[in-house]
Amino acid sequence: MKILEVIFSLGSGGAEQFVVDLSNELSSKHEVVLLTLKDDSVENRDFYKNKLNNSVRYDNLGLKDGFSLSSLFAVDKKIRLINPDVVHIHIAFRFCLLPIFFFGKPRYFLTIHNEIKGWYTNKLNRILFNSFGYLNRVSFVTISKSNYDDFNREYKRCSNTLIYNGRKKEEPTSFFDEVKKEIDSFKSSSSTMVFLHVARCAPQKNQQLLIHAFNRLVSKSRDAILLILGRGFDSDLGNDLKNIAGERIYFLGEKNNVQDYVLNSDALVLSSLYEGMPITVIEALQNEVPIISTPVCGVIDVVKCGETGCISADFTQDSFLLVWDSFVKEQKKYTIESNFSDVKRLFSISECAKSYETLFNLK
């Protein structure tokens, strides 16, 4: 089977990391082409490119930013040239409208990488999803139980398959010891707890809540530090966040060895307003690192409160601080290895790829 994976770029992000992992896994049995649409000579748009296996053929269309009629024709021409059996789209759905409508041979699939509410339910997408879904020109994949249920409520006439995102379990890199020394230099004692937040600087990630809650946690004399990894913190929003951050919060920038930081942390912390199924959560759980999070799609489906993490009742500071402080007080119960056995199996990239392979063969 010839499979074409389509995404805007391989810049740092959860969907981009997932596409690389999935392409690598599928390429062991199938011919896989990974097509990125946006010009990858722009800084960081090829962030994950070096993680692609040699068995995956990489192609970049080099489109400029924005949406145009010429970009639609360029994507259509490229897909016809590649002539795949399956086109698997991630995020870039509108750019693929011409081949979906006119080029009937490939089977088209769209994985929904974020919460259904919002962008996926605007007026244009309602028309497109309902039309193409009803005509069976596109099959949809959702990535968490909440995601699946929300999609079914919004798009009753569309085919929707639930396939949990997978993640390849990463081994420590050669920089692991260096990272450990870096983190140790931030700690005030050997018992200082290390909390990790991995995300770009964006309103969706709700990092004001993260920082205000952590400042309050430290004010309760909790011995802890917060490490923030991700791009975009040199922006106006990022500077505002740095201005309200206490002295025990460290902004470390974008990293391509996130696993080293995960393995040196006591918990991964998310403060998002909405998500699909965060790849960082999967990566942390596979490494038996518990999750502290707001009640967002994906997280509420996989984190078992009191075992693999804790989830706040709502998005207020008081609620978020309450579960964070509770975690600090009861940390030992989150370190039981057997708590993580089910999620490690469920979110393996091999199981995920098998599910996609079955779906591609059925349609």
Foldseek 3Di string as FASTA:
>chain_A
DEEEEEEQFCADFQVSQLVQLLQQLLLVPYQYEYEHEAACVPPRRHVCVVVHDPSYHYYYLHDYDDDDPVLLVSVLVVCVVSVGQEYEYEPPVVSPVVCLVPVQRHQYEYEDWWACPDPCQDPVNLVVQQVSQLVNSYAYEAAFPNSQVVCCVSHVNGHYHYFHGAHAADDADPCLVVVLVVVVVLFPDPPAAEEEEEDADDVQQVCVLVQVLVVVVVVVVHRYAYEYEHDDLVDPSNVVSVVSHDPRYYYDYHDPRVLSVLLNHQAYETLGPETRAGPVCLNNLLSLRAYQYEPYHNCVRPHDDQERYHYFPHNDSVRSSVRVNVCSVVVVNSRDPVSSPVSNVSRHSNSSSVVVVVVSVVD
